[in-house]
Amino acid sequence: MKRLCVVCMGNICRSPMAEVVLRHVFAERGLDVEVDSAGTGGWHVGEPMDPRALATLAEHGYDGSGHRARQFDPAWFAERDLVLAMDRHNLQTLLRMAPPGADVRLLRSFDPAAPEGAEVPDPYYGGREGFVEVLRMIEAAAEGVAKHFEDR
């Protein structure tokens, strides 16, 4: 089985949304890929997903109700085939922790329509539309992530 971890700052908005979407896409394609998520920071550990993220997922047919925030542990690199960061700040944090050979990339690098270096912006301090836009970006990249695992 392949394993993938999606990482943002606090693990209550972007990365848990991506975890839910990727699980859905992998299940639809019959891919045996285990997906989890985490934050580079630990201030939300144990908390559920942000209510706005949860509502956005629900409005689009996804269930994120079981999520509880976690902090990324560098030991996880040995257990993951791919670690996806939501933005360059988190990417740099992960790369500083990563052992040689770890596969760490930006999530949107799997979206062929996204410009090089494109990020998933943090919707935390904005309104509802920011969460909808984040979901659109995640869904666009999810197809490329699934293709990556299909091709392996």
N, C-alpha and C. Protein backbone atom coordinates (compact mmCIF):
# COMPACT_ATOMS: atom_id res chain seq x y z
N MET A 1 0.83 -1.18 0.00
CA MET A 1 0.00 0.00 0.00
C MET A 1 0.88 1.25 0.00
N LYS A 2 0.46 2.22 -0.76
CA LYS A 2 1.14 3.51 -0.79
C LYS A 2 0.55 4.40 0.29
N ARG A 3 1.37 5.36 0.77
CA ARG A 3 0.91 6.28 1.81
C ARG A 3 1.27 7.71 1.42
N LEU A 4 0.35 8.60 1.74
CA LEU A 4 0.47 10.01 1.38
C LEU A 4 0.02 10.86 2.57
N CYS A 5 0.76 11.93 2.86
CA CYS A 5 0.34 12.87 3.90
C CYS A 5 0.26 14.26 3.28
N VAL A 6 -0.83 14.96 3.59
CA VAL A 6 -1.05 16.32 3.11
C VAL A 6 -0.85 17.26 4.30
N VAL A 7 -0.08 18.34 4.09
CA VAL A 7 0.34 19.17 5.22
C VAL A 7 0.06 20.66 4.96
N CYS A 8 -0.53 21.30 5.97
CA CYS A 8 -0.68 22.76 5.97
C CYS A 8 -0.15 23.29 7.30
N MET A 9 -0.63 24.42 7.73
CA MET A 9 -0.10 25.04 8.93
C MET A 9 -0.67 24.42 10.21
N GLY A 10 -2.00 24.40 10.35
CA GLY A 10 -2.60 23.95 11.61
C GLY A 10 -3.42 22.68 11.51
N ASN A 11 -3.63 22.16 10.29
CA ASN A 11 -4.38 20.93 10.04
C ASN A 11 -5.85 21.04 10.42
N ILE A 12 -6.43 22.22 10.18
CA ILE A 12 -7.87 22.37 10.41
C ILE A 12 -8.62 22.89 9.19
N CYS A 13 -7.92 23.32 8.15
CA CYS A 13 -8.59 23.84 6.95
C CYS A 13 -8.14 23.10 5.69
N ARG A 14 -7.02 23.53 5.14
CA ARG A 14 -6.61 23.04 3.82
C ARG A 14 -6.23 21.56 3.79
N SER A 15 -5.32 21.14 4.65
CA SER A 15 -4.86 19.75 4.55
C SER A 15 -5.95 18.73 4.88
N PRO A 16 -6.83 18.97 5.86
CA PRO A 16 -7.89 17.99 6.05
C PRO A 16 -8.90 17.98 4.90
N MET A 17 -9.13 19.13 4.28
CA MET A 17 -9.99 19.16 3.11
C MET A 17 -9.36 18.30 2.00
N ALA A 18 -8.05 18.46 1.80
CA ALA A 18 -7.36 17.68 0.77
C ALA A 18 -7.38 16.19 1.12
N GLU A 19 -7.21 15.86 2.38
CA GLU A 19 -7.25 14.46 2.81
C GLU A 19 -8.58 13.82 2.42
N VAL A 20 -9.68 14.51 2.71
CA VAL A 20 -11.02 13.99 2.41
C VAL A 20 -11.21 13.84 0.90
N VAL A 21 -10.84 14.84 0.14
CA VAL A 21 -11.00 14.80 -1.32
C VAL A 21 -10.14 13.69 -1.93
N LEU A 22 -8.89 13.60 -1.51
CA LEU A 22 -8.01 12.57 -2.06
C LEU A 22 -8.51 11.17 -1.73
N ARG A 23 -8.97 10.96 -0.52
CA ARG A 23 -9.53 9.64 -0.18
C ARG A 23 -10.68 9.29 -1.12
N HIS A 24 -11.53 10.27 -1.37
CA HIS A 24 -12.68 10.07 -2.26
C HIS A 24 -12.22 9.71 -3.68
N VAL A 25 -11.28 10.48 -4.21
CA VAL A 25 -10.79 10.25 -5.57
C VAL A 25 -10.10 8.88 -5.67
N PHE A 26 -9.28 8.54 -4.69
CA PHE A 26 -8.60 7.24 -4.70
C PHE A 26 -9.61 6.10 -4.64
N ALA A 27 -10.63 6.25 -3.80
CA ALA A 27 -11.66 5.20 -3.69
C ALA A 27 -12.40 5.03 -5.02
N GLU A 28 -12.75 6.16 -5.66
CA GLU A 28 -13.43 6.09 -6.96
C GLU A 28 -12.60 5.36 -8.00
N ARG A 29 -11.30 5.51 -7.94
CA ARG A 29 -10.40 4.90 -8.93
C ARG A 29 -9.90 3.53 -8.50
N GLY A 30 -10.30 3.10 -7.31
CA GLY A 30 -9.87 1.79 -6.82
C GLY A 30 -8.39 1.74 -6.48
N LEU A 31 -7.83 2.87 -6.09
CA LEU A 31 -6.41 2.93 -5.74
C LEU A 31 -6.22 2.62 -4.25
N ASP A 32 -5.25 1.79 -3.96
CA ASP A 32 -4.94 1.42 -2.58
C ASP A 32 -3.89 2.38 -2.03
N VAL A 33 -4.33 3.59 -1.71
CA VAL A 33 -3.45 4.63 -1.18
C VAL A 33 -4.05 5.13 0.13
N GLU A 34 -3.28 5.06 1.18
CA GLU A 34 -3.72 5.57 2.48
C GLU A 34 -3.36 7.05 2.57
N VAL A 35 -4.33 7.87 2.94
CA VAL A 35 -4.14 9.32 3.01
C VAL A 35 -4.36 9.80 4.43
N ASP A 36 -3.47 10.65 4.90
CA ASP A 36 -3.70 11.34 6.16
C ASP A 36 -3.23 12.78 5.99
N SER A 37 -3.37 13.56 7.05
CA SER A 37 -2.97 14.96 6.98
C SER A 37 -2.43 15.40 8.33
N ALA A 38 -1.73 16.52 8.30
CA ALA A 38 -1.13 17.06 9.52
C ALA A 38 -0.81 18.53 9.29
N GLY A 39 -0.44 19.19 10.38
CA GLY A 39 0.00 20.57 10.32
C GLY A 39 1.45 20.67 10.74
N THR A 40 2.14 21.69 10.27
CA THR A 40 3.51 21.90 10.73
C THR A 40 3.52 22.48 12.13
N GLY A 41 2.42 23.13 12.53
CA GLY A 41 2.29 23.66 13.87
C GLY A 41 1.37 22.78 14.70
N GLY A 42 1.51 22.87 16.01
CA GLY A 42 0.75 22.00 16.89
C GLY A 42 -0.34 22.64 17.69
N TRP A 43 -0.68 23.90 17.42
CA TRP A 43 -1.63 24.61 18.28
C TRP A 43 -3.07 24.13 18.17
N HIS A 44 -3.42 23.35 17.14
CA HIS A 44 -4.80 22.85 17.00
C HIS A 44 -4.91 21.34 17.23
N VAL A 45 -3.85 20.70 17.68
CA VAL A 45 -3.85 19.24 17.84
C VAL A 45 -5.08 18.78 18.63
N GLY A 46 -5.78 17.80 18.08
CA GLY A 46 -6.96 17.24 18.72
C GLY A 46 -8.27 17.93 18.38
N GLU A 47 -8.19 19.08 17.74
CA GLU A 47 -9.40 19.83 17.39
C GLU A 47 -10.02 19.30 16.09
N PRO A 48 -11.33 19.47 15.94
CA PRO A 48 -11.97 19.10 14.67
C PRO A 48 -11.62 20.10 13.58
N MET A 49 -12.04 19.79 12.39
CA MET A 49 -11.84 20.68 11.25
C MET A 49 -12.57 22.00 11.49
N ASP A 50 -12.04 23.07 10.94
CA ASP A 50 -12.70 24.37 11.00
C ASP A 50 -14.14 24.20 10.48
N PRO A 51 -15.13 24.76 11.16
CA PRO A 51 -16.53 24.58 10.73
C PRO A 51 -16.80 25.04 9.30
N ARG A 52 -16.08 26.06 8.84
CA ARG A 52 -16.28 26.54 7.47
C ARG A 52 -15.74 25.53 6.46
N ALA A 53 -14.62 24.90 6.78
CA ALA A 53 -14.07 23.86 5.90
C ALA A 53 -15.01 22.66 5.87
N LEU A 54 -15.50 22.28 7.02
CA LEU A 54 -16.42 21.14 7.13
C LEU A 54 -17.70 21.40 6.34
N ALA A 55 -18.24 22.61 6.47
CA ALA A 55 -19.47 22.97 5.75
C ALA A 55 -19.24 22.98 4.24
N THR A 56 -18.10 23.50 3.82
CA THR A 56 -17.80 23.54 2.38
C THR A 56 -17.70 22.13 1.82
N LEU A 57 -17.02 21.26 2.54
CA LEU A 57 -16.94 19.86 2.11
C LEU A 57 -18.34 19.25 2.02
N ALA A 58 -19.15 19.44 3.06
CA ALA A 58 -20.50 18.85 3.09
C ALA A 58 -21.35 19.35 1.94
N GLU A 59 -21.24 20.64 1.63
CA GLU A 59 -22.02 21.22 0.53
C GLU A 59 -21.65 20.60 -0.82
N HIS A 60 -20.47 20.00 -0.89
CA HIS A 60 -20.00 19.40 -2.14
C HIS A 60 -19.96 17.87 -2.06
N GLY A 61 -20.64 17.31 -1.07
CA GLY A 61 -20.80 15.86 -1.00
C GLY A 61 -19.71 15.09 -0.29
N TYR A 62 -18.87 15.77 0.47
CA TYR A 62 -17.79 15.11 1.20
C TYR A 62 -18.08 15.13 2.70
N ASP A 63 -17.52 14.14 3.42
CA ASP A 63 -17.70 14.07 4.87
C ASP A 63 -16.35 14.17 5.57
N GLY A 64 -16.14 15.25 6.27
CA GLY A 64 -14.90 15.43 7.02
C GLY A 64 -15.11 15.43 8.51
N SER A 65 -16.24 14.91 8.95
CA SER A 65 -16.63 15.02 10.36
C SER A 65 -15.72 14.26 11.32
N GLY A 66 -15.00 13.26 10.86
CA GLY A 66 -14.17 12.48 11.77
C GLY A 66 -12.77 13.04 11.98
N HIS A 67 -12.46 14.13 11.34
CA HIS A 67 -11.09 14.67 11.40
C HIS A 67 -10.74 15.24 12.78
N ARG A 68 -9.50 14.98 13.20
CA ARG A 68 -8.92 15.62 14.38
C ARG A 68 -7.51 16.04 13.99
N ALA A 69 -7.18 17.28 14.29
CA ALA A 69 -5.89 17.85 13.88
C ALA A 69 -4.72 17.14 14.55
N ARG A 70 -3.64 17.03 13.77
CA ARG A 70 -2.39 16.44 14.25
C ARG A 70 -1.22 17.30 13.78
N GLN A 71 -0.09 17.14 14.45
CA GLN A 71 1.13 17.82 14.02
C GLN A 71 2.02 16.82 13.31
N PHE A 72 2.63 17.25 12.21
CA PHE A 72 3.51 16.37 11.44
C PHE A 72 4.72 15.97 12.28
N ASP A 73 5.05 14.70 12.22
CA ASP A 73 6.20 14.15 12.93
C ASP A 73 7.24 13.75 11.87
N PRO A 74 8.46 14.26 11.97
CA PRO A 74 9.48 13.93 10.96
C PRO A 74 9.69 12.42 10.76
N ALA A 75 9.40 11.61 11.76
CA ALA A 75 9.54 10.16 11.62
C ALA A 75 8.59 9.62 10.55
N TRP A 76 7.54 10.36 10.24
CA TRP A 76 6.55 9.92 9.25
C TRP A 76 7.12 9.85 7.83
N PHE A 77 8.20 10.58 7.56
CA PHE A 77 8.78 10.52 6.22
C PHE A 77 9.10 9.08 5.82
N ALA A 78 9.56 8.29 6.76
CA ALA A 78 9.94 6.90 6.48
C ALA A 78 8.72 6.05 6.14
N GLU A 79 7.54 6.52 6.54
CA GLU A 79 6.31 5.75 6.34
C GLU A 79 5.44 6.30 5.21
N ARG A 80 5.86 7.37 4.57
CA ARG A 80 5.06 8.00 3.52
C ARG A 80 5.81 7.98 2.21
N ASP A 81 5.09 7.67 1.14
CA ASP A 81 5.68 7.69 -0.20
C ASP A 81 5.73 9.10 -0.77
N LEU A 82 4.82 9.95 -0.29
CA LEU A 82 4.72 11.31 -0.80
C LEU A 82 4.15 12.19 0.30
N VAL A 83 4.74 13.37 0.45
CA VAL A 83 4.24 14.38 1.39
C VAL A 83 3.96 15.63 0.58
N LEU A 84 2.72 16.12 0.67
CA LEU A 84 2.30 17.28 -0.12
C LEU A 84 2.03 18.47 0.77
N ALA A 85 2.68 19.57 0.48
CA ALA A 85 2.50 20.82 1.21
C ALA A 85 1.51 21.71 0.47
N MET A 86 0.77 22.50 1.23
CA MET A 86 -0.22 23.40 0.64
C MET A 86 0.39 24.70 0.14
N ASP A 87 1.50 25.11 0.73
CA ASP A 87 2.12 26.37 0.31
C ASP A 87 3.63 26.28 0.47
N ARG A 88 4.33 27.28 -0.05
CA ARG A 88 5.80 27.27 -0.02
C ARG A 88 6.36 27.35 1.40
N HIS A 89 5.69 28.06 2.29
CA HIS A 89 6.18 28.15 3.68
C HIS A 89 6.20 26.76 4.31
N ASN A 90 5.10 26.03 4.19
CA ASN A 90 5.05 24.68 4.76
C ASN A 90 5.97 23.73 4.00
N LEU A 91 6.12 23.93 2.70
CA LEU A 91 7.05 23.12 1.93
C LEU A 91 8.47 23.28 2.48
N GLN A 92 8.88 24.52 2.72
CA GLN A 92 10.22 24.77 3.24
C GLN A 92 10.40 24.16 4.63
N THR A 93 9.38 24.25 5.46
CA THR A 93 9.45 23.64 6.79
C THR A 93 9.63 22.14 6.68
N LEU A 94 8.87 21.52 5.79
CA LEU A 94 8.97 20.07 5.59
C LEU A 94 10.33 19.68 5.02
N LEU A 95 10.83 20.45 4.05
CA LEU A 95 12.12 20.13 3.44
C LEU A 95 13.26 20.22 4.45
N ARG A 96 13.16 21.13 5.42
CA ARG A 96 14.18 21.22 6.47
C ARG A 96 14.18 19.97 7.35
N MET A 97 13.03 19.34 7.52
CA MET A 97 12.90 18.14 8.34
C MET A 97 13.19 16.86 7.57
N ALA A 98 13.05 16.91 6.26
CA ALA A 98 13.04 15.70 5.43
C ALA A 98 14.42 15.05 5.32
N PRO A 99 14.44 13.73 5.37
CA PRO A 99 15.70 13.02 5.11
C PRO A 99 15.98 13.02 3.61
N PRO A 100 17.22 12.73 3.22
CA PRO A 100 17.53 12.65 1.79
C PRO A 100 16.62 11.63 1.10
N GLY A 101 16.14 12.00 -0.08
CA GLY A 101 15.31 11.10 -0.86
C GLY A 101 13.82 11.18 -0.58
N ALA A 102 13.41 11.93 0.43
CA ALA A 102 11.98 12.08 0.71
C ALA A 102 11.32 12.82 -0.44
N ASP A 103 10.13 12.38 -0.81
CA ASP A 103 9.37 13.01 -1.89
C ASP A 103 8.41 14.02 -1.29
N VAL A 104 8.78 15.29 -1.34
CA VAL A 104 8.01 16.37 -0.75
C VAL A 104 7.76 17.40 -1.84
N ARG A 105 6.49 17.72 -2.08
CA ARG A 105 6.12 18.63 -3.17
C ARG A 105 4.95 19.50 -2.76
N LEU A 106 4.67 20.51 -3.59
CA LEU A 106 3.46 21.30 -3.45
C LEU A 106 2.29 20.52 -4.05
N LEU A 107 1.15 20.55 -3.39
CA LEU A 107 -0.04 19.86 -3.91
C LEU A 107 -0.38 20.33 -5.32
N ARG A 108 -0.36 21.64 -5.54
CA ARG A 108 -0.79 22.16 -6.84
C ARG A 108 0.19 21.85 -7.97
N SER A 109 1.35 21.29 -7.64
CA SER A 109 2.27 20.87 -8.71
C SER A 109 1.66 19.72 -9.51
N PHE A 110 0.59 19.10 -8.99
CA PHE A 110 -0.09 18.01 -9.68
C PHE A 110 -1.27 18.50 -10.53
N ASP A 111 -1.51 19.80 -10.53
CA ASP A 111 -2.58 20.38 -11.34
C ASP A 111 -1.94 20.95 -12.61
N PRO A 112 -2.18 20.31 -13.76
CA PRO A 112 -1.52 20.78 -14.98
C PRO A 112 -1.92 22.20 -15.39
N ALA A 113 -3.04 22.70 -14.91
CA ALA A 113 -3.48 24.05 -15.26
C ALA A 113 -2.91 25.11 -14.33
N ALA A 114 -2.31 24.70 -13.22
CA ALA A 114 -1.77 25.66 -12.24
C ALA A 114 -0.39 26.13 -12.68
N PRO A 115 -0.08 27.40 -12.46
CA PRO A 115 1.26 27.87 -12.79
C PRO A 115 2.31 27.22 -11.87
N GLU A 116 3.53 27.18 -12.33
CA GLU A 116 4.61 26.59 -11.53
C GLU A 116 4.71 27.32 -10.19
N GLY A 117 4.83 26.55 -9.12
CA GLY A 117 4.95 27.12 -7.78
C GLY A 117 3.64 27.57 -7.16
N ALA A 118 2.52 27.23 -7.81
CA ALA A 118 1.21 27.66 -7.29
C ALA A 118 0.94 27.03 -5.93
N GLU A 119 0.31 27.81 -5.07
CA GLU A 119 -0.01 27.39 -3.71
C GLU A 119 -1.51 27.30 -3.51
N VAL A 120 -1.90 26.62 -2.45
CA VAL A 120 -3.28 26.65 -1.98
C VAL A 120 -3.28 27.68 -0.85
N PRO A 121 -3.93 28.83 -1.03
CA PRO A 121 -3.90 29.88 -0.02
C PRO A 121 -4.68 29.48 1.24
N ASP A 122 -4.25 30.01 2.36
CA ASP A 122 -4.92 29.72 3.63
C ASP A 122 -6.21 30.54 3.71
N PRO A 123 -7.37 29.88 3.79
CA PRO A 123 -8.64 30.61 3.84
C PRO A 123 -9.06 31.02 5.25
N TYR A 124 -8.27 30.69 6.25
CA TYR A 124 -8.66 30.83 7.65
C TYR A 124 -9.17 32.23 8.01
N TYR A 125 -8.51 33.27 7.54
CA TYR A 125 -8.88 34.63 7.93
C TYR A 125 -9.87 35.29 6.96
N GLY A 126 -10.36 34.54 6.00
CA GLY A 126 -11.29 35.09 5.03
C GLY A 126 -12.70 34.56 5.22
N GLY A 127 -13.49 34.74 4.18
CA GLY A 127 -14.89 34.31 4.22
C GLY A 127 -15.11 32.98 3.55
N ARG A 128 -16.36 32.63 3.41
CA ARG A 128 -16.79 31.35 2.84
C ARG A 128 -16.21 31.10 1.45
N GLU A 129 -16.17 32.12 0.61
CA GLU A 129 -15.71 31.94 -0.77
C GLU A 129 -14.27 31.43 -0.82
N GLY A 130 -13.45 31.81 0.14
CA GLY A 130 -12.08 31.32 0.19
C GLY A 130 -12.02 29.81 0.35
N PHE A 131 -12.92 29.25 1.13
CA PHE A 131 -12.96 27.80 1.33
C PHE A 131 -13.44 27.09 0.07
N VAL A 132 -14.37 27.71 -0.63
CA VAL A 132 -14.86 27.13 -1.89
C VAL A 132 -13.73 27.13 -2.92
N GLU A 133 -12.98 28.22 -2.99
CA GLU A 133 -11.86 28.30 -3.93
C GLU A 133 -10.78 27.28 -3.58
N VAL A 134 -10.49 27.11 -2.30
CA VAL A 134 -9.52 26.10 -1.86
C VAL A 134 -9.98 24.71 -2.29
N LEU A 135 -11.26 24.42 -2.12
CA LEU A 135 -11.78 23.12 -2.54
C LEU A 135 -11.60 22.92 -4.04
N ARG A 136 -11.87 23.94 -4.83
CA ARG A 136 -11.68 23.84 -6.29
C ARG A 136 -10.22 23.52 -6.64
N MET A 137 -9.30 24.19 -5.96
CA MET A 137 -7.88 23.94 -6.22
C MET A 137 -7.49 22.52 -5.83
N ILE A 138 -7.98 22.06 -4.71
CA ILE A 138 -7.68 20.70 -4.24
C ILE A 138 -8.23 19.67 -5.22
N GLU A 139 -9.48 19.86 -5.64
CA GLU A 139 -10.08 18.91 -6.58
C GLU A 139 -9.31 18.87 -7.90
N ALA A 140 -8.84 20.02 -8.38
CA ALA A 140 -8.08 20.07 -9.63
C ALA A 140 -6.76 19.32 -9.49
N ALA A 141 -6.11 19.44 -8.35
CA ALA A 141 -4.83 18.75 -8.14
C ALA A 141 -5.03 17.27 -7.83
N ALA A 142 -6.16 16.92 -7.23
CA ALA A 142 -6.39 15.53 -6.81
C ALA A 142 -6.34 14.56 -7.98
N GLU A 143 -6.83 14.97 -9.14
CA GLU A 143 -6.79 14.10 -10.31
C GLU A 143 -5.35 13.79 -10.70
N GLY A 144 -4.49 14.80 -10.64
CA GLY A 144 -3.07 14.59 -10.96
C GLY A 144 -2.37 13.72 -9.93
N VAL A 145 -2.73 13.87 -8.67
CA VAL A 145 -2.15 13.02 -7.63
C VAL A 145 -2.57 11.57 -7.86
N ALA A 146 -3.84 11.36 -8.19
CA ALA A 146 -4.33 10.00 -8.46
C ALA A 146 -3.58 9.41 -9.66
N LYS A 147 -3.39 10.19 -10.70
CA LYS A 147 -2.66 9.71 -11.87
C LYS A 147 -1.23 9.34 -11.50
N HIS A 148 -0.62 10.14 -10.64
CA HIS A 148 0.75 9.85 -10.15
C HIS A 148 0.80 8.45 -9.53
N PHE A 149 -0.17 8.13 -8.70
CA PHE A 149 -0.17 6.81 -8.05
C PHE A 149 -0.58 5.71 -9.01
N GLU A 150 -1.43 6.01 -9.96
CA GLU A 150 -1.79 5.01 -10.98
C GLU A 150 -0.57 4.63 -11.82
N ASP A 151 0.26 5.61 -12.11
CA ASP A 151 1.42 5.39 -12.97
C ASP A 151 2.57 4.68 -12.25
N ARG A 152 2.49 4.59 -10.93
CA ARG A 152 3.61 3.99 -10.16
C ARG A 152 3.43 2.52 -10.04
